[in-house]
Amino acid sequence: MRYVRHFLLAFLVVIVATAAVAQNRKLDKRLSKIDLAYNTGNYPKALKHLKKFKSGAIKLGVSNYMVDYYVREARLNLASGILAGFEESLTNALSISEKAFGPTSSSFANTLIDVADLYNEYG
């Protein structure tokens, strides 16, 4: 009986881990679609994919995906000519990145570089 419980627990852990990996792949695929639409100049389509990406990232609860969301949101809104909320998106990206990765991590430094590039585009 004890072995059955251990087996069921292990099986449950494997199922949960597999579901999380599948969700990460789905979000990564969505990021690729967003970037492809952005690079081709189809900003409305990129914004549509970005909204779907946000709902998946919130369900997963992984904050590094939210950093990607806020940076892309600012980039897409800037390219679309929507300047309202630009500063707020970048501030959110920086604060989440610092909390998730730490102030001395390379991931936080990459976020700082992305934000600086967007400020340079903004002028």
PDB file of N, CA and C in Angstrom:
ATOM      1  N   MET A   1       0.805  -1.186   0.000  1.00  0.00           N
ATOM      2  CA  MET A   1       0.000   0.000   0.000  1.00  0.00           C
ATOM      3  C   MET A   1       0.858   1.263   0.000  1.00  0.00           C
ATOM      4  N   ARG A   2       1.943   1.216   0.744  1.00  0.00           N
ATOM      5  CA  ARG A   2       2.832   2.349   0.823  1.00  0.00           C
ATOM      6  C   ARG A   2       3.477   2.631  -0.536  1.00  0.00           C
ATOM      7  N   TYR A   3       3.812   1.582  -1.267  1.00  0.00           N
ATOM      8  CA  TYR A   3       4.437   1.749  -2.576  1.00  0.00           C
ATOM      9  C   TYR A   3       3.458   2.353  -3.579  1.00  0.00           C
ATOM     10  N   VAL A   4       2.211   2.009  -3.430  1.00  0.00           N
ATOM     11  CA  VAL A   4       1.199   2.560  -4.322  1.00  0.00           C
ATOM     12  C   VAL A   4       1.080   4.067  -4.110  1.00  0.00           C
ATOM     13  N   ARG A   5       1.103   4.518  -2.864  1.00  0.00           N
ATOM     14  CA  ARG A   5       1.038   5.955  -2.585  1.00  0.00           C
ATOM     15  C   ARG A   5       2.244   6.688  -3.149  1.00  0.00           C
ATOM     16  N   HIS A   6       3.433   6.104  -2.983  1.00  0.00           N
ATOM     17  CA  HIS A   6       4.645   6.728  -3.520  1.00  0.00           C
ATOM     18  C   HIS A   6       4.586   6.785  -5.041  1.00  0.00           C
ATOM     19  N   PHE A   7       4.103   5.721  -5.643  1.00  0.00           N
ATOM     20  CA  PHE A   7       3.974   5.688  -7.097  1.00  0.00           C
ATOM     21  C   PHE A   7       2.987   6.751  -7.575  1.00  0.00           C
ATOM     22  N   LEU A   8       1.845   6.870  -6.911  1.00  0.00           N
ATOM     23  CA  LEU A   8       0.852   7.863  -7.305  1.00  0.00           C
ATOM     24  C   LEU A   8       1.370   9.285  -7.117  1.00  0.00           C
ATOM     25  N   LEU A   9       2.101   9.520  -6.055  1.00  0.00           N
ATOM     26  CA  LEU A   9       2.687  10.835  -5.826  1.00  0.00           C
ATOM     27  C   LEU A   9       3.703  11.175  -6.913  1.00  0.00           C
ATOM     28  N   ALA A  10       4.557  10.230  -7.229  1.00  0.00           N
ATOM     29  CA  ALA A  10       5.546  10.442  -8.285  1.00  0.00           C
ATOM     30  C   ALA A  10       4.866  10.677  -9.632  1.00  0.00           C
ATOM     31  N   PHE A  11       3.819   9.925  -9.892  1.00  0.00           N
ATOM     32  CA  PHE A  11       3.077  10.072 -11.139  1.00  0.00           C
ATOM     33  C   PHE A  11       2.446  11.466 -11.227  1.00  0.00           C
ATOM     34  N   LEU A  12       1.891  11.940 -10.130  1.00  0.00           N
ATOM     35  CA  LEU A  12       1.288  13.266 -10.095  1.00  0.00           C
ATOM     36  C   LEU A  12       2.336  14.358 -10.334  1.00  0.00           C
ATOM     37  N   VAL A  13       3.498  14.206  -9.745  1.00  0.00           N
ATOM     38  CA  VAL A  13       4.576  15.179  -9.937  1.00  0.00           C
ATOM     39  C   VAL A  13       4.996  15.223 -11.400  1.00  0.00           C
ATOM     40  N   VAL A  14       5.104  14.079 -12.035  1.00  0.00           N
ATOM     41  CA  VAL A  14       5.485  14.020 -13.447  1.00  0.00           C
ATOM     42  C   VAL A  14       4.428  14.693 -14.320  1.00  0.00           C
ATOM     43  N   ILE A  15       3.173  14.473 -14.026  1.00  0.00           N
ATOM     44  CA  ILE A  15       2.095  15.084 -14.812  1.00  0.00           C
ATOM     45  C   ILE A  15       2.121  16.609 -14.672  1.00  0.00           C
ATOM     46  N   VAL A  16       2.294  17.101 -13.470  1.00  0.00           N
ATOM     47  CA  VAL A  16       2.329  18.550 -13.241  1.00  0.00           C
ATOM     48  C   VAL A  16       3.544  19.166 -13.938  1.00  0.00           C
ATOM     49  N   ALA A  17       4.685  18.526 -13.850  1.00  0.00           N
ATOM     50  CA  ALA A  17       5.899  19.038 -14.500  1.00  0.00           C
ATOM     51  C   ALA A  17       5.739  19.040 -16.015  1.00  0.00           C
ATOM     52  N   THR A  18       5.126  18.014 -16.562  1.00  0.00           N
ATOM     53  CA  THR A  18       4.907  17.945 -18.002  1.00  0.00           C
ATOM     54  C   THR A  18       3.969  19.055 -18.461  1.00  0.00           C
ATOM     55  N   ALA A  19       2.941  19.335 -17.691  1.00  0.00           N
ATOM     56  CA  ALA A  19       2.000  20.406 -18.032  1.00  0.00           C
ATOM     57  C   ALA A  19       2.692  21.764 -18.016  1.00  0.00           C
ATOM     58  N   ALA A  20       3.575  21.991 -17.054  1.00  0.00           N
ATOM     59  CA  ALA A  20       4.289  23.266 -16.976  1.00  0.00           C
ATOM     60  C   ALA A  20       5.227  23.441 -18.165  1.00  0.00           C
ATOM     61  N   VAL A  21       5.917  22.376 -18.562  1.00  0.00           N
ATOM     62  CA  VAL A  21       6.813  22.433 -19.719  1.00  0.00           C
ATOM     63  C   VAL A  21       6.018  22.716 -20.990  1.00  0.00           C
ATOM     64  N   ALA A  22       4.864  22.081 -21.126  1.00  0.00           N
ATOM     65  CA  ALA A  22       4.019  22.308 -22.297  1.00  0.00           C
ATOM     66  C   ALA A  22       3.538  23.752 -22.340  1.00  0.00           C
ATOM     67  N   GLN A  23       3.188  24.316 -21.206  1.00  0.00           N
ATOM     68  CA  GLN A  23       2.739  25.711 -21.161  1.00  0.00           C
ATOM     69  C   GLN A  23       3.887  26.648 -21.514  1.00  0.00           C
ATOM     70  N   ASN A  24       5.102  26.359 -21.048  1.00  0.00           N
ATOM     71  CA  ASN A  24       6.260  27.184 -21.387  1.00  0.00           C
ATOM     72  C   ASN A  24       6.510  27.160 -22.888  1.00  0.00           C
ATOM     73  N   ARG A  25       6.410  25.989 -23.500  1.00  0.00           N
ATOM     74  CA  ARG A  25       6.588  25.893 -24.950  1.00  0.00           C
ATOM     75  C   ARG A  25       5.533  26.705 -25.678  1.00  0.00           C
ATOM     76  N   LYS A  26       4.314  26.655 -25.179  1.00  0.00           N
ATOM     77  CA  LYS A  26       3.222  27.393 -25.800  1.00  0.00           C
ATOM     78  C   LYS A  26       3.490  28.899 -25.726  1.00  0.00           C
ATOM     79  N   LEU A  27       3.969  29.362 -24.577  1.00  0.00           N
ATOM     80  CA  LEU A  27       4.273  30.780 -24.430  1.00  0.00           C
ATOM     81  C   LEU A  27       5.457  31.195 -25.299  1.00  0.00           C
ATOM     82  N   ASP A  28       6.463  30.337 -25.397  1.00  0.00           N
ATOM     83  CA  ASP A  28       7.606  30.631 -26.260  1.00  0.00           C
ATOM     84  C   ASP A  28       7.181  30.706 -27.727  1.00  0.00           C
ATOM     85  N   LYS A  29       6.275  29.820 -28.122  1.00  0.00           N
ATOM     86  CA  LYS A  29       5.757  29.846 -29.491  1.00  0.00           C
ATOM     87  C   LYS A  29       4.974  31.136 -29.727  1.00  0.00           C
ATOM     88  N   ARG A  30       4.207  31.555 -28.743  1.00  0.00           N
ATOM     89  CA  ARG A  30       3.443  32.796 -28.858  1.00  0.00           C
ATOM     90  C   ARG A  30       4.388  33.995 -28.980  1.00  0.00           C
ATOM     91  N   LEU A  31       5.508  33.993 -28.234  1.00  0.00           N
ATOM     92  CA  LEU A  31       6.495  35.069 -28.355  1.00  0.00           C
ATOM     93  C   LEU A  31       7.071  35.127 -29.763  1.00  0.00           C
ATOM     94  N   SER A  32       7.315  33.965 -30.350  1.00  0.00           N
ATOM     95  CA  SER A  32       7.825  33.920 -31.720  1.00  0.00           C
ATOM     96  C   SER A  32       6.818  34.521 -32.691  1.00  0.00           C
ATOM     97  N   LYS A  33       5.540  34.239 -32.499  1.00  0.00           N
ATOM     98  CA  LYS A  33       4.500  34.806 -33.356  1.00  0.00           C
ATOM     99  C   LYS A  33       4.430  36.321 -33.200  1.00  0.00           C
ATOM    100  N   ILE A  34       4.581  36.791 -31.976  1.00  0.00           N
ATOM    101  CA  ILE A  34       4.551  38.234 -31.729  1.00  0.00           C
ATOM    102  C   ILE A  34       5.715  38.908 -32.446  1.00  0.00           C
ATOM    103  N   ASP A  35       6.900  38.336 -32.300  1.00  0.00           N
ATOM    104  CA  ASP A  35       8.083  38.913 -32.932  1.00  0.00           C
ATOM    105  C   ASP A  35       7.992  38.872 -34.457  1.00  0.00           C
ATOM    106  N   LEU A  36       7.451  37.790 -35.003  1.00  0.00           N
ATOM    107  CA  LEU A  36       7.297  37.685 -36.447  1.00  0.00           C
ATOM    108  C   LEU A  36       6.325  38.743 -36.972  1.00  0.00           C
ATOM    109  N   ALA A  37       5.200  38.907 -36.294  1.00  0.00           N
ATOM    110  CA  ALA A  37       4.226  39.919 -36.713  1.00  0.00           C
ATOM    111  C   ALA A  37       4.816  41.321 -36.574  1.00  0.00           C
ATOM    112  N   TYR A  38       5.581  41.564 -35.526  1.00  0.00           N
ATOM    113  CA  TYR A  38       6.218  42.873 -35.327  1.00  0.00           C
ATOM    114  C   TYR A  38       7.225  43.146 -36.443  1.00  0.00           C
ATOM    115  N   ASN A  39       8.048  42.153 -36.751  1.00  0.00           N
ATOM    116  CA  ASN A  39       9.082  42.333 -37.771  1.00  0.00           C
ATOM    117  C   ASN A  39       8.505  42.534 -39.168  1.00  0.00           C
ATOM    118  N   THR A  40       7.323  41.987 -39.424  1.00  0.00           N
ATOM    119  CA  THR A  40       6.686  42.191 -40.727  1.00  0.00           C
ATOM    120  C   THR A  40       5.840  43.456 -40.762  1.00  0.00           C
ATOM    121  N   GLY A  41       5.703  44.145 -39.638  1.00  0.00           N
ATOM    122  CA  GLY A  41       4.961  45.390 -39.582  1.00  0.00           C
ATOM    123  C   GLY A  41       3.474  45.222 -39.341  1.00  0.00           C
ATOM    124  N   ASN A  42       3.044  44.025 -38.991  1.00  0.00           N
ATOM    125  CA  ASN A  42       1.638  43.764 -38.725  1.00  0.00           C
ATOM    126  C   ASN A  42       1.383  43.951 -37.224  1.00  0.00           C
ATOM    127  N   TYR A  43       1.304  45.203 -36.801  1.00  0.00           N
ATOM    128  CA  TYR A  43       1.199  45.515 -35.382  1.00  0.00           C
ATOM    129  C   TYR A  43      -0.130  45.100 -34.752  1.00  0.00           C
ATOM    130  N   PRO A  44      -1.253  45.236 -35.458  1.00  0.00           N
ATOM    131  CA  PRO A  44      -2.509  44.763 -34.837  1.00  0.00           C
ATOM    132  C   PRO A  44      -2.496  43.260 -34.549  1.00  0.00           C
ATOM    133  N   LYS A  45      -1.914  42.492 -35.453  1.00  0.00           N
ATOM    134  CA  LYS A  45      -1.824  41.047 -35.224  1.00  0.00           C
ATOM    135  C   LYS A  45      -0.881  40.753 -34.051  1.00  0.00           C
ATOM    136  N   ALA A  46       0.207  41.488 -33.972  1.00  0.00           N
ATOM    137  CA  ALA A  46       1.154  41.305 -32.866  1.00  0.00           C
ATOM    138  C   ALA A  46       0.489  41.653 -31.531  1.00  0.00           C
ATOM    139  N   LEU A  47      -0.308  42.706 -31.508  1.00  0.00           N
ATOM    140  CA  LEU A  47      -1.015  43.077 -30.276  1.00  0.00           C
ATOM    141  C   LEU A  47      -2.041  42.020 -29.884  1.00  0.00           C
ATOM    142  N   LYS A  48      -2.686  41.407 -30.885  1.00  0.00           N
ATOM    143  CA  LYS A  48      -3.651  40.337 -30.608  1.00  0.00           C
ATOM    144  C   LYS A  48      -2.937  39.141 -29.964  1.00  0.00           C
ATOM    145  N   HIS A  49      -1.783  38.767 -30.517  1.00  0.00           N
ATOM    146  CA  HIS A  49      -1.012  37.666 -29.934  1.00  0.00           C
ATOM    147  C   HIS A  49      -0.488  38.033 -28.549  1.00  0.00           C
ATOM    148  N   LEU A  50      -0.151  39.306 -28.356  1.00  0.00           N
ATOM    149  CA  LEU A  50       0.358  39.759 -27.063  1.00  0.00           C
ATOM    150  C   LEU A  50      -0.700  39.632 -25.970  1.00  0.00           C
ATOM    151  N   LYS A  51      -1.953  39.915 -26.304  1.00  0.00           N
ATOM    152  CA  LYS A  51      -3.029  39.774 -25.315  1.00  0.00           C
ATOM    153  C   LYS A  51      -3.214  38.307 -24.928  1.00  0.00           C
ATOM    154  N   LYS A  52      -3.126  37.410 -25.905  1.00  0.00           N
ATOM    155  CA  LYS A  52      -3.235  35.978 -25.603  1.00  0.00           C
ATOM    156  C   LYS A  52      -2.039  35.515 -24.776  1.00  0.00           C
ATOM    157  N   PHE A  53      -0.867  36.066 -25.094  1.00  0.00           N
ATOM    158  CA  PHE A  53       0.339  35.723 -24.346  1.00  0.00           C
ATOM    159  C   PHE A  53       0.195  36.133 -22.881  1.00  0.00           C
ATOM    160  N   LYS A  54      -0.362  37.319 -22.652  1.00  0.00           N
ATOM    161  CA  LYS A  54      -0.514  37.808 -21.276  1.00  0.00           C
ATOM    162  C   LYS A  54      -1.412  36.890 -20.463  1.00  0.00           C
ATOM    163  N   SER A  55      -2.512  36.448 -21.061  1.00  0.00           N
ATOM    164  CA  SER A  55      -3.413  35.576 -20.311  1.00  0.00           C
ATOM    165  C   SER A  55      -2.731  34.255 -19.959  1.00  0.00           C
ATOM    166  N   GLY A  56      -1.922  33.715 -20.863  1.00  0.00           N
ATOM    167  CA  GLY A  56      -1.190  32.483 -20.566  1.00  0.00           C
ATOM    168  C   GLY A  56      -0.102  32.686 -19.533  1.00  0.00           C
ATOM    169  N   ALA A  57       0.569  33.814 -19.586  1.00  0.00           N
ATOM    170  CA  ALA A  57       1.639  34.099 -18.625  1.00  0.00           C
ATOM    171  C   ALA A  57       1.079  34.311 -17.225  1.00  0.00           C
ATOM    172  N   ILE A  58      -0.092  34.932 -17.146  1.00  0.00           N
ATOM    173  CA  ILE A  58      -0.715  35.145 -15.831  1.00  0.00           C
ATOM    174  C   ILE A  58      -1.151  33.807 -15.239  1.00  0.00           C
ATOM    175  N   LYS A  59      -1.706  32.926 -16.079  1.00  0.00           N
ATOM    176  CA  LYS A  59      -2.117  31.606 -15.589  1.00  0.00           C
ATOM    177  C   LYS A  59      -0.931  30.830 -15.055  1.00  0.00           C
ATOM    178  N   LEU A  60       0.196  30.930 -15.757  1.00  0.00           N
ATOM    179  CA  LEU A  60       1.391  30.192 -15.350  1.00  0.00           C
ATOM    180  C   LEU A  60       2.038  30.820 -14.127  1.00  0.00           C
ATOM    181  N   GLY A  61       1.946  32.118 -14.007  1.00  0.00           N
ATOM    182  CA  GLY A  61       2.484  32.802 -12.838  1.00  0.00           C
ATOM    183  C   GLY A  61       3.993  32.957 -12.856  1.00  0.00           C
ATOM    184  N   VAL A  62       4.610  32.889 -14.009  1.00  0.00           N
ATOM    185  CA  VAL A  62       6.059  33.028 -14.108  1.00  0.00           C
ATOM    186  C   VAL A  62       6.372  34.476 -14.452  1.00  0.00           C
ATOM    187  N   SER A  63       7.108  35.145 -13.595  1.00  0.00           N
ATOM    188  CA  SER A  63       7.299  36.576 -13.771  1.00  0.00           C
ATOM    189  C   SER A  63       8.260  36.927 -14.898  1.00  0.00           C
ATOM    190  N   ASN A  64       9.159  36.009 -15.299  1.00  0.00           N
ATOM    191  CA  ASN A  64      10.047  36.357 -16.400  1.00  0.00           C
ATOM    192  C   ASN A  64       9.263  36.523 -17.699  1.00  0.00           C
ATOM    193  N   TYR A  65       8.146  35.820 -17.828  1.00  0.00           N
ATOM    194  CA  TYR A  65       7.296  36.018 -18.997  1.00  0.00           C
ATOM    195  C   TYR A  65       6.588  37.367 -18.927  1.00  0.00           C
ATOM    196  N   MET A  66       6.298  37.845 -17.752  1.00  0.00           N
ATOM    197  CA  MET A  66       5.663  39.154 -17.625  1.00  0.00           C
ATOM    198  C   MET A  66       6.647  40.270 -17.987  1.00  0.00           C
ATOM    199  N   VAL A  67       7.929  40.059 -17.736  1.00  0.00           N
ATOM    200  CA  VAL A  67       8.940  41.025 -18.176  1.00  0.00           C
ATOM    201  C   VAL A  67       8.906  41.105 -19.698  1.00  0.00           C
ATOM    202  N   ASP A  68       8.883  39.949 -20.363  1.00  0.00           N
ATOM    203  CA  ASP A  68       8.791  39.920 -21.819  1.00  0.00           C
ATOM    204  C   ASP A  68       7.523  40.609 -22.302  1.00  0.00           C
ATOM    205  N   TYR A  69       6.432  40.396 -21.592  1.00  0.00           N
ATOM    206  CA  TYR A  69       5.167  41.019 -21.968  1.00  0.00           C
ATOM    207  C   TYR A  69       5.273  42.543 -21.934  1.00  0.00           C
ATOM    208  N   TYR A  70       5.756  43.102 -20.836  1.00  0.00           N
ATOM    209  CA  TYR A  70       5.794  44.556 -20.698  1.00  0.00           C
ATOM    210  C   TYR A  70       6.763  45.204 -21.685  1.00  0.00           C
ATOM    211  N   VAL A  71       7.890  44.573 -21.951  1.00  0.00           N
ATOM    212  CA  VAL A  71       8.837  45.124 -22.929  1.00  0.00           C
ATOM    213  C   VAL A  71       8.215  45.114 -24.322  1.00  0.00           C
ATOM    214  N   ARG A  72       7.585  44.004 -24.686  1.00  0.00           N
ATOM    215  CA  ARG A  72       6.956  43.925 -26.006  1.00  0.00           C
ATOM    216  C   ARG A  72       5.750  44.850 -26.113  1.00  0.00           C
ATOM    217  N   GLU A  73       5.013  44.996 -25.015  1.00  0.00           N
ATOM    218  CA  GLU A  73       3.877  45.915 -25.027  1.00  0.00           C
ATOM    219  C   GLU A  73       4.353  47.336 -25.323  1.00  0.00           C
ATOM    220  N   ALA A  74       5.413  47.769 -24.675  1.00  0.00           N
ATOM    221  CA  ALA A  74       5.939  49.111 -24.911  1.00  0.00           C
ATOM    222  C   ALA A  74       6.437  49.251 -26.348  1.00  0.00           C
ATOM    223  N   ARG A  75       7.133  48.240 -26.837  1.00  0.00           N
ATOM    224  CA  ARG A  75       7.668  48.278 -28.201  1.00  0.00           C
ATOM    225  C   ARG A  75       6.542  48.347 -29.242  1.00  0.00           C
ATOM    226  N   LEU A  76       5.528  47.520 -29.066  1.00  0.00           N
ATOM    227  CA  LEU A  76       4.420  47.501 -30.021  1.00  0.00           C
ATOM    228  C   LEU A  76       3.594  48.784 -29.962  1.00  0.00           C
ATOM    229  N   ASN A  77       3.343  49.273 -28.774  1.00  0.00           N
ATOM    230  CA  ASN A  77       2.582  50.520 -28.659  1.00  0.00           C
ATOM    231  C   ASN A  77       3.359  51.699 -29.245  1.00  0.00           C
ATOM    232  N   LEU A  78       4.667  51.716 -29.051  1.00  0.00           N
ATOM    233  CA  LEU A  78       5.493  52.772 -29.626  1.00  0.00           C
ATOM    234  C   LEU A  78       5.461  52.700 -31.155  1.00  0.00           C
ATOM    235  N   ALA A  79       5.583  51.495 -31.695  1.00  0.00           N
ATOM    236  CA  ALA A  79       5.550  51.331 -33.148  1.00  0.00           C
ATOM    237  C   ALA A  79       4.175  51.670 -33.724  1.00  0.00           C
ATOM    238  N   SER A  80       3.127  51.429 -32.949  1.00  0.00           N
ATOM    239  CA  SER A  80       1.763  51.727 -33.396  1.00  0.00           C
ATOM    240  C   SER A  80       1.395  53.191 -33.203  1.00  0.00           C
ATOM    241  N   GLY A  81       2.220  53.945 -32.501  1.00  0.00           N
ATOM    242  CA  GLY A  81       1.944  55.348 -32.251  1.00  0.00           C
ATOM    243  C   GLY A  81       1.124  55.601 -31.005  1.00  0.00           C
ATOM    244  N   ILE A  82       0.977  54.586 -30.168  1.00  0.00           N
ATOM    245  CA  ILE A  82       0.223  54.730 -28.915  1.00  0.00           C
ATOM    246  C   ILE A  82       1.236  54.994 -27.797  1.00  0.00           C
ATOM    247  N   LEU A  83       1.306  56.240 -27.369  1.00  0.00           N
ATOM    248  CA  LEU A  83       2.323  56.600 -26.378  1.00  0.00           C
ATOM    249  C   LEU A  83       1.824  56.541 -24.951  1.00  0.00           C
ATOM    250  N   ALA A  84       0.511  56.456 -24.769  1.00  0.00           N
ATOM    251  CA  ALA A  84      -0.053  56.365 -23.427  1.00  0.00           C
ATOM    252  C   ALA A  84       0.338  55.030 -22.805  1.00  0.00           C
ATOM    253  N   GLY A  85       0.899  55.067 -21.636  1.00  0.00           N
ATOM    254  CA  GLY A  85       1.280  53.851 -20.931  1.00  0.00           C
ATOM    255  C   GLY A  85       2.679  53.353 -21.246  1.00  0.00           C
ATOM    256  N   PHE A  86       3.406  54.058 -22.099  1.00  0.00           N
ATOM    257  CA  PHE A  86       4.759  53.635 -22.481  1.00  0.00           C
ATOM    258  C   PHE A  86       5.680  53.579 -21.262  1.00  0.00           C
ATOM    259  N   GLU A  87       5.703  54.656 -20.521  1.00  0.00           N
ATOM    260  CA  GLU A  87       6.562  54.747 -19.329  1.00  0.00           C
ATOM    261  C   GLU A  87       6.168  53.701 -18.286  1.00  0.00           C
ATOM    262  N   GLU A  88       4.876  53.508 -18.112  1.00  0.00           N
ATOM    263  CA  GLU A  88       4.377  52.544 -17.126  1.00  0.00           C
ATOM    264  C   GLU A  88       4.787  51.111 -17.493  1.00  0.00           C
ATOM    265  N   SER A  89       4.712  50.771 -18.771  1.00  0.00           N
ATOM    266  CA  SER A  89       5.107  49.422 -19.208  1.00  0.00           C
ATOM    267  C   SER A  89       6.581  49.163 -18.917  1.00  0.00           C
ATOM    268  N   LEU A  90       7.409  50.144 -19.210  1.00  0.00           N
ATOM    269  CA  LEU A  90       8.849  49.968 -18.979  1.00  0.00           C
ATOM    270  C   LEU A  90       9.177  49.925 -17.487  1.00  0.00           C
ATOM    271  N   THR A  91       8.489  50.715 -16.698  1.00  0.00           N
ATOM    272  CA  THR A  91       8.691  50.686 -15.246  1.00  0.00           C
ATOM    273  C   THR A  91       8.284  49.326 -14.681  1.00  0.00           C
ATOM    274  N   ASN A  92       7.166  48.798 -15.162  1.00  0.00           N
ATOM    275  CA  ASN A  92       6.727  47.466 -14.716  1.00  0.00           C
ATOM    276  C   ASN A  92       7.735  46.394 -15.107  1.00  0.00           C
ATOM    277  N   ALA A  93       8.258  46.489 -16.325  1.00  0.00           N
ATOM    278  CA  ALA A  93       9.246  45.502 -16.783  1.00  0.00           C
ATOM    279  C   ALA A  93      10.486  45.527 -15.887  1.00  0.00           C
ATOM    280  N   LEU A  94      10.953  46.710 -15.570  1.00  0.00           N
ATOM    281  CA  LEU A  94      12.151  46.822 -14.730  1.00  0.00           C
ATOM    282  C   LEU A  94      11.910  46.322 -13.310  1.00  0.00           C
ATOM    283  N   SER A  95      10.780  46.674 -12.733  1.00  0.00           N
ATOM    284  CA  SER A  95      10.536  46.255 -11.349  1.00  0.00           C
ATOM    285  C   SER A  95      10.337  44.741 -11.252  1.00  0.00           C
ATOM    286  N   ILE A  96       9.615  44.163 -12.188  1.00  0.00           N
ATOM    287  CA  ILE A  96       9.414  42.708 -12.158  1.00  0.00           C
ATOM    288  C   ILE A  96      10.726  41.981 -12.410  1.00  0.00           C
ATOM    289  N   SER A  97      11.524  42.499 -13.334  1.00  0.00           N
ATOM    290  CA  SER A  97      12.809  41.868 -13.630  1.00  0.00           C
ATOM    291  C   SER A  97      13.741  41.905 -12.422  1.00  0.00           C
ATOM    292  N   GLU A  98      13.763  43.037 -11.739  1.00  0.00           N
ATOM    293  CA  GLU A  98      14.626  43.145 -10.564  1.00  0.00           C
ATOM    294  C   GLU A  98      14.177  42.197  -9.461  1.00  0.00           C
ATOM    295  N   LYS A  99      12.865  42.077  -9.263  1.00  0.00           N
ATOM    296  CA  LYS A  99      12.349  41.170  -8.235  1.00  0.00           C
ATOM    297  C   LYS A  99      12.595  39.713  -8.606  1.00  0.00           C
ATOM    298  N   ALA A 100      12.434  39.380  -9.877  1.00  0.00           N
ATOM    299  CA  ALA A 100      12.542  37.987 -10.305  1.00  0.00           C
ATOM    300  C   ALA A 100      13.985  37.513 -10.385  1.00  0.00           C
ATOM    301  N   PHE A 101      14.874  38.362 -10.893  1.00  0.00           N
ATOM    302  CA  PHE A 101      16.240  37.922 -11.171  1.00  0.00           C
ATOM    303  C   PHE A 101      17.278  38.474 -10.207  1.00  0.00           C
ATOM    304  N   GLY A 102      16.958  39.555  -9.520  1.00  0.00           N
ATOM    305  CA  GLY A 102      17.932  40.191  -8.638  1.00  0.00           C
ATOM    306  C   GLY A 102      18.625  41.341  -9.352  1.00  0.00           C
ATOM    307  N   PRO A 103      19.074  42.337  -8.593  1.00  0.00           N
ATOM    308  CA  PRO A 103      19.642  43.540  -9.210  1.00  0.00           C
ATOM    309  C   PRO A 103      21.017  43.344  -9.840  1.00  0.00           C
ATOM    310  N   THR A 104      21.677  42.239  -9.573  1.00  0.00           N
ATOM    311  CA  THR A 104      23.015  42.038 -10.136  1.00  0.00           C
ATOM    312  C   THR A 104      23.054  40.911 -11.168  1.00  0.00           C
ATOM    313  N   SER A 105      21.912  40.455 -11.630  1.00  0.00           N
ATOM    314  CA  SER A 105      21.887  39.338 -12.575  1.00  0.00           C
ATOM    315  C   SER A 105      22.035  39.823 -14.011  1.00  0.00           C
ATOM    316  N   SER A 106      22.458  38.922 -14.868  1.00  0.00           N
ATOM    317  CA  SER A 106      22.589  39.260 -16.287  1.00  0.00           C
ATOM    318  C   SER A 106      21.224  39.415 -16.951  1.00  0.00           C
ATOM    319  N   SER A 107      20.218  38.716 -16.458  1.00  0.00           N
ATOM    320  CA  SER A 107      18.871  38.862 -17.015  1.00  0.00           C
ATOM    321  C   SER A 107      18.326  40.263 -16.751  1.00  0.00           C
ATOM    322  N   PHE A 108      18.581  40.786 -15.571  1.00  0.00           N
ATOM    323  CA  PHE A 108      18.163  42.148 -15.260  1.00  0.00           C
ATOM    324  C   PHE A 108      18.925  43.147 -16.126  1.00  0.00           C
ATOM    325  N   ALA A 109      20.213  42.888 -16.352  1.00  0.00           N
ATOM    326  CA  ALA A 109      21.008  43.762 -17.216  1.00  0.00           C
ATOM    327  C   ALA A 109      20.462  43.749 -18.647  1.00  0.00           C
ATOM    328  N   ASN A 110      20.039  42.589 -19.126  1.00  0.00           N
ATOM    329  CA  ASN A 110      19.453  42.509 -20.468  1.00  0.00           C
ATOM    330  C   ASN A 110      18.149  43.302 -20.542  1.00  0.00           C
ATOM    331  N   THR A 111      17.371  43.256 -19.473  1.00  0.00           N
ATOM    332  CA  THR A 111      16.140  44.041 -19.433  1.00  0.00           C
ATOM    333  C   THR A 111      16.464  45.531 -19.460  1.00  0.00           C
ATOM    334  N   LEU A 112      17.492  45.937 -18.735  1.00  0.00           N
ATOM    335  CA  LEU A 112      17.908  47.343 -18.754  1.00  0.00           C
ATOM    336  C   LEU A 112      18.318  47.777 -20.156  1.00  0.00           C
ATOM    337  N   ILE A 113      19.010  46.908 -20.870  1.00  0.00           N
ATOM    338  CA  ILE A 113      19.429  47.213 -22.249  1.00  0.00           C
ATOM    339  C   ILE A 113      18.210  47.342 -23.160  1.00  0.00           C
ATOM    340  N   ASP A 114      17.249  46.426 -23.011  1.00  0.00           N
ATOM    341  CA  ASP A 114      16.023  46.502 -23.820  1.00  0.00           C
ATOM    342  C   ASP A 114      15.269  47.802 -23.553  1.00  0.00           C
ATOM    343  N   VAL A 115      15.166  48.173 -22.296  1.00  0.00           N
ATOM    344  CA  VAL A 115      14.461  49.397 -21.925  1.00  0.00           C
ATOM    345  C   VAL A 115      15.207  50.615 -22.461  1.00  0.00           C
ATOM    346  N   ALA A 116      16.534  50.617 -22.375  1.00  0.00           N
ATOM    347  CA  ALA A 116      17.317  51.735 -22.906  1.00  0.00           C
ATOM    348  C   ALA A 116      17.134  51.869 -24.411  1.00  0.00           C
ATOM    349  N   ASP A 117      17.087  50.746 -25.115  1.00  0.00           N
ATOM    350  CA  ASP A 117      16.854  50.779 -26.570  1.00  0.00           C
ATOM    351  C   ASP A 117      15.499  51.397 -26.885  1.00  0.00           C
ATOM    352  N   LEU A 118      14.484  51.041 -26.106  1.00  0.00           N
ATOM    353  CA  LEU A 118      13.159  51.594 -26.336  1.00  0.00           C
ATOM    354  C   LEU A 118      13.122  53.099 -26.034  1.00  0.00           C
ATOM    355  N   TYR A 119      13.811  53.532 -24.996  1.00  0.00           N
ATOM    356  CA  TYR A 119      13.873  54.958 -24.718  1.00  0.00           C
ATOM    357  C   TYR A 119      14.597  55.694 -25.841  1.00  0.00           C
ATOM    358  N   ASN A 120      15.620  55.094 -26.425  1.00  0.00           N
ATOM    359  CA  ASN A 120      16.319  55.713 -27.553  1.00  0.00           C
ATOM    360  C   ASN A 120      15.399  55.822 -28.772  1.00  0.00           C
ATOM    361  N   GLU A 121      14.574  54.815 -29.012  1.00  0.00           N
ATOM    362  CA  GLU A 121      13.617  54.882 -30.107  1.00  0.00           C
ATOM    363  C   GLU A 121      12.571  55.961 -29.847  1.00  0.00           C
ATOM    364  N   TYR A 122      12.166  56.070 -28.597  1.00  0.00           N
ATOM    365  CA  TYR A 122      11.129  57.032 -28.207  1.00  0.00           C
ATOM    366  C   TYR A 122      11.628  58.464 -28.372  1.00  0.00           C
ATOM    367  N   GLY A 123      12.924  58.631 -28.116  1.00  0.00           N
ATOM    368  CA  GLY A 123      13.521  59.968 -28.275  1.00  0.00           C
ATOM    369  C   GLY A 123      13.470  60.696 -27.020  1.00  0.00           C
TER     370      GLY A 123
END
